[in-house]
């Protein structure tokens, strides 16, 4: 397999098989409450600015979920915070 085209074809076959496997596996159901939102989406849900979301995270009012550099927030946590704010 010294031919570069054969190597490329073999790698493309592996990629195709992986994509087929991904497409055919059963979808995991994501409940609406467990949906993860980025800072901008969280700010929109709460009706605040993105910097307020950063402050709320820093002050411990919101629990961040990190995926590498990405920070996400559970929709259920945002709803819970909204209910607490209404009760105050």
N, C-alpha and C. Protein backbone atom coordinates (compact mmCIF):
# COMPACT_ATOMS: atom_id res chain seq x y z
N UNK A 1 0.82 -1.19 0.00
CA UNK A 1 0.00 0.00 0.00
C UNK A 1 0.86 1.25 0.00
N UNK A 2 1.79 1.32 -0.89
CA UNK A 2 2.64 2.50 -0.98
C UNK A 2 2.00 3.58 -1.81
N UNK A 3 1.00 3.21 -2.56
CA UNK A 3 0.31 4.19 -3.39
C UNK A 3 -0.48 5.14 -2.49
N UNK A 4 -0.24 6.45 -2.59
CA UNK A 4 -0.94 7.39 -1.72
C UNK A 4 -2.45 7.38 -1.95
N UNK A 5 -2.88 7.03 -3.15
CA UNK A 5 -4.31 6.99 -3.43
C UNK A 5 -4.97 5.81 -2.72
N UNK A 6 -4.24 4.70 -2.60
CA UNK A 6 -4.76 3.56 -1.86
C UNK A 6 -4.89 3.88 -0.37
N UNK A 7 -3.88 4.58 0.16
CA UNK A 7 -3.95 5.00 1.57
C UNK A 7 -5.13 5.93 1.80
N UNK A 8 -5.32 6.87 0.89
CA UNK A 8 -6.43 7.80 1.00
C UNK A 8 -7.77 7.07 0.92
N UNK A 9 -7.88 6.13 0.00
CA UNK A 9 -9.11 5.35 -0.15
C UNK A 9 -9.40 4.55 1.11
N UNK A 10 -8.39 3.97 1.73
CA UNK A 10 -8.57 3.19 2.95
C UNK A 10 -9.06 4.09 4.09
N UNK A 11 -8.47 5.28 4.20
CA UNK A 11 -8.89 6.22 5.25
C UNK A 11 -10.31 6.71 5.00
N UNK A 12 -10.65 6.95 3.76
CA UNK A 12 -12.01 7.39 3.44
C UNK A 12 -13.03 6.30 3.75
N UNK A 13 -12.65 5.04 3.53
CA UNK A 13 -13.53 3.92 3.89
C UNK A 13 -13.79 3.89 5.40
N UNK A 14 -12.74 4.11 6.17
CA UNK A 14 -12.89 4.13 7.63
C UNK A 14 -13.81 5.27 8.05
N UNK A 15 -13.63 6.43 7.45
CA UNK A 15 -14.48 7.59 7.77
C UNK A 15 -15.93 7.30 7.39
N UNK A 16 -16.13 6.72 6.22
CA UNK A 16 -17.49 6.39 5.78
C UNK A 16 -18.15 5.41 6.73
N UNK A 17 -17.41 4.39 7.18
CA UNK A 17 -17.96 3.41 8.12
C UNK A 17 -18.32 4.07 9.45
N UNK A 18 -17.49 4.97 9.91
CA UNK A 18 -17.76 5.68 11.16
C UNK A 18 -19.01 6.55 11.03
N UNK A 19 -19.13 7.27 9.93
CA UNK A 19 -20.31 8.11 9.71
C UNK A 19 -21.59 7.27 9.60
N UNK A 20 -21.50 6.12 8.98
CA UNK A 20 -22.65 5.22 8.88
C UNK A 20 -23.05 4.74 10.26
N UNK A 21 -22.06 4.37 11.08
CA UNK A 21 -22.34 3.92 12.44
C UNK A 21 -23.02 5.02 13.25
N UNK A 22 -22.53 6.24 13.13
CA UNK A 22 -23.12 7.37 13.85
C UNK A 22 -24.56 7.60 13.40
N UNK A 23 -24.80 7.55 12.12
CA UNK A 23 -26.13 7.80 11.57
C UNK A 23 -27.14 6.71 11.97
N UNK A 24 -26.67 5.49 12.15
CA UNK A 24 -27.58 4.37 12.41
C UNK A 24 -27.81 4.09 13.89
N UNK A 25 -26.98 4.65 14.76
CA UNK A 25 -27.18 4.36 16.19
C UNK A 25 -28.44 5.05 16.69
N UNK A 26 -29.06 4.49 17.69
CA UNK A 26 -30.29 5.09 18.22
C UNK A 26 -30.00 6.46 18.82
N UNK A 27 -30.88 7.38 18.53
CA UNK A 27 -30.70 8.73 19.06
C UNK A 27 -30.98 8.72 20.55
N UNK A 28 -30.14 9.43 21.28
CA UNK A 28 -30.37 9.56 22.71
C UNK A 28 -31.35 10.70 22.91
N UNK A 29 -32.39 10.41 23.67
CA UNK A 29 -33.40 11.43 23.91
C UNK A 29 -32.87 12.44 24.91
N UNK A 30 -33.01 13.69 24.52
CA UNK A 30 -32.60 14.77 25.40
C UNK A 30 -33.87 15.47 25.86
N UNK A 31 -34.15 15.36 27.13
CA UNK A 31 -35.35 16.01 27.62
C UNK A 31 -35.15 17.51 27.57
N UNK A 32 -36.23 18.22 27.43
CA UNK A 32 -36.16 19.68 27.33
C UNK A 32 -35.50 20.29 28.56
N UNK A 33 -35.79 19.73 29.73
CA UNK A 33 -35.24 20.29 30.97
C UNK A 33 -33.72 20.10 31.07
N UNK A 34 -33.19 19.08 30.45
CA UNK A 34 -31.76 18.80 30.56
C UNK A 34 -30.96 19.39 29.40
N UNK A 35 -31.62 20.14 28.55
CA UNK A 35 -30.94 20.77 27.43
C UNK A 35 -29.88 21.73 27.93
N UNK A 36 -28.73 21.75 27.28
CA UNK A 36 -27.65 22.64 27.67
C UNK A 36 -27.61 23.85 26.76
N UNK A 37 -27.46 25.01 27.36
CA UNK A 37 -27.45 26.27 26.63
C UNK A 37 -26.12 26.98 26.81
N UNK A 38 -25.71 27.72 25.79
CA UNK A 38 -24.51 28.54 25.94
C UNK A 38 -24.87 29.83 26.69
N UNK A 39 -23.86 30.68 26.93
CA UNK A 39 -24.09 31.89 27.73
C UNK A 39 -25.11 32.82 27.09
N UNK A 40 -25.03 32.96 25.79
CA UNK A 40 -25.95 33.86 25.09
C UNK A 40 -27.40 33.37 25.21
N UNK A 41 -27.60 32.07 25.03
CA UNK A 41 -28.94 31.49 25.15
C UNK A 41 -29.44 31.58 26.59
N UNK A 42 -28.56 31.34 27.56
CA UNK A 42 -28.95 31.44 28.97
C UNK A 42 -29.36 32.87 29.31
N UNK A 43 -28.61 33.83 28.79
CA UNK A 43 -28.94 35.24 29.04
C UNK A 43 -30.32 35.58 28.48
N UNK A 44 -30.62 35.05 27.32
CA UNK A 44 -31.93 35.30 26.71
C UNK A 44 -33.05 34.70 27.54
N UNK A 45 -32.85 33.48 28.04
CA UNK A 45 -33.87 32.82 28.86
C UNK A 45 -34.14 33.63 30.13
N UNK A 46 -33.07 34.13 30.76
CA UNK A 46 -33.23 34.86 32.02
C UNK A 46 -33.53 36.34 31.81
N UNK A 47 -33.37 36.82 30.59
CA UNK A 47 -33.63 38.23 30.32
C UNK A 47 -32.56 39.14 30.89
N UNK A 48 -31.32 38.68 30.86
CA UNK A 48 -30.19 39.45 31.38
C UNK A 48 -29.09 39.49 30.32
N UNK A 49 -28.03 40.23 30.60
CA UNK A 49 -26.91 40.30 29.67
C UNK A 49 -25.97 39.11 29.86
N UNK A 50 -25.10 38.90 28.88
CA UNK A 50 -24.12 37.82 28.96
C UNK A 50 -23.16 38.07 30.13
N UNK A 51 -22.80 39.34 30.37
CA UNK A 51 -21.90 39.63 31.49
C UNK A 51 -22.57 39.32 32.83
N UNK A 52 -23.89 39.48 32.91
CA UNK A 52 -24.62 39.10 34.13
C UNK A 52 -24.56 37.59 34.33
N UNK A 53 -24.65 36.83 33.26
CA UNK A 53 -24.50 35.37 33.34
C UNK A 53 -23.11 35.04 33.89
N UNK A 54 -22.07 35.72 33.39
CA UNK A 54 -20.72 35.49 33.91
C UNK A 54 -20.64 35.80 35.40
N UNK A 55 -21.26 36.90 35.81
CA UNK A 55 -21.26 37.27 37.23
C UNK A 55 -22.01 36.25 38.07
N UNK A 56 -23.16 35.78 37.58
CA UNK A 56 -23.95 34.80 38.32
C UNK A 56 -23.19 33.48 38.45
N UNK A 57 -22.46 33.13 37.41
CA UNK A 57 -21.64 31.91 37.46
C UNK A 57 -20.51 32.08 38.47
N UNK A 58 -19.83 33.21 38.41
CA UNK A 58 -18.72 33.48 39.32
C UNK A 58 -19.18 33.52 40.77
N UNK A 59 -20.37 34.09 41.01
CA UNK A 59 -20.90 34.22 42.38
C UNK A 59 -21.61 32.96 42.88
N UNK A 60 -21.68 31.92 42.05
CA UNK A 60 -22.24 30.65 42.49
C UNK A 60 -23.74 30.49 42.32
N UNK A 61 -24.39 31.42 41.62
CA UNK A 61 -25.83 31.31 41.39
C UNK A 61 -26.16 30.34 40.26
N UNK A 62 -25.21 30.14 39.35
CA UNK A 62 -25.40 29.21 38.22
C UNK A 62 -24.28 28.19 38.22
N UNK A 63 -24.63 26.94 37.96
CA UNK A 63 -23.63 25.88 37.86
C UNK A 63 -23.24 25.71 36.40
N UNK A 64 -21.96 25.95 36.08
CA UNK A 64 -21.52 25.76 34.70
C UNK A 64 -21.16 24.30 34.43
N UNK A 65 -21.39 23.86 33.21
CA UNK A 65 -20.96 22.55 32.74
C UNK A 65 -19.95 22.80 31.64
N UNK A 66 -18.73 22.33 31.85
CA UNK A 66 -17.64 22.64 30.92
C UNK A 66 -17.36 21.46 29.99
N UNK A 67 -17.15 21.82 28.74
CA UNK A 67 -16.75 20.87 27.70
C UNK A 67 -15.58 21.50 26.99
N UNK A 68 -14.37 21.21 27.46
CA UNK A 68 -13.20 21.90 26.94
C UNK A 68 -13.29 23.36 27.36
N UNK A 69 -13.25 24.25 26.39
CA UNK A 69 -13.37 25.68 26.68
C UNK A 69 -14.82 26.14 26.70
N UNK A 70 -15.72 25.32 26.21
CA UNK A 70 -17.13 25.69 26.14
C UNK A 70 -17.77 25.58 27.51
N UNK A 71 -18.60 26.56 27.85
CA UNK A 71 -19.34 26.58 29.10
C UNK A 71 -20.82 26.53 28.76
N UNK A 72 -21.54 25.62 29.39
CA UNK A 72 -22.97 25.46 29.14
C UNK A 72 -23.72 25.48 30.47
N UNK A 73 -25.03 25.73 30.38
CA UNK A 73 -25.90 25.78 31.55
C UNK A 73 -27.14 24.95 31.27
N UNK A 74 -27.60 24.19 32.28
CA UNK A 74 -28.81 23.39 32.12
C UNK A 74 -30.02 24.31 32.12
N UNK A 75 -30.93 24.04 31.20
CA UNK A 75 -32.17 24.80 31.13
C UNK A 75 -32.95 24.66 32.43
N UNK A 76 -32.94 23.47 33.02
CA UNK A 76 -33.66 23.25 34.28
C UNK A 76 -33.09 24.13 35.40
N UNK A 77 -31.77 24.33 35.41
CA UNK A 77 -31.16 25.22 36.41
C UNK A 77 -31.62 26.66 36.22
N UNK A 78 -31.76 27.07 34.96
CA UNK A 78 -32.21 28.43 34.67
C UNK A 78 -33.66 28.61 35.11
N UNK A 79 -34.50 27.61 34.84
CA UNK A 79 -35.90 27.68 35.28
C UNK A 79 -35.99 27.74 36.80
N UNK A 80 -35.16 26.94 37.46
CA UNK A 80 -35.15 26.92 38.92
C UNK A 80 -34.74 28.28 39.48
N UNK A 81 -33.74 28.89 38.88
CA UNK A 81 -33.30 30.21 39.31
C UNK A 81 -34.40 31.24 39.09
N UNK A 82 -35.11 31.12 37.97
CA UNK A 82 -36.22 32.03 37.69
C UNK A 82 -37.30 31.91 38.75
N UNK A 83 -37.62 30.68 39.16
CA UNK A 83 -38.63 30.46 40.19
C UNK A 83 -38.19 31.06 41.53
N UNK A 84 -36.91 30.91 41.86
CA UNK A 84 -36.39 31.47 43.11
C UNK A 84 -36.48 32.99 43.09
N UNK A 85 -36.18 33.58 41.92
CA UNK A 85 -36.24 35.04 41.81
C UNK A 85 -37.67 35.54 41.95
N UNK A 86 -38.64 34.77 41.43
CA UNK A 86 -40.06 35.16 41.54
C UNK A 86 -40.52 35.09 42.99
N UNK A 87 -40.02 34.09 43.74
CA UNK A 87 -40.44 33.88 45.12
C UNK A 87 -39.87 34.96 46.05
N UNK A 88 -38.78 35.59 45.66
CA UNK A 88 -38.14 36.60 46.53
C UNK A 88 -38.91 37.89 46.56
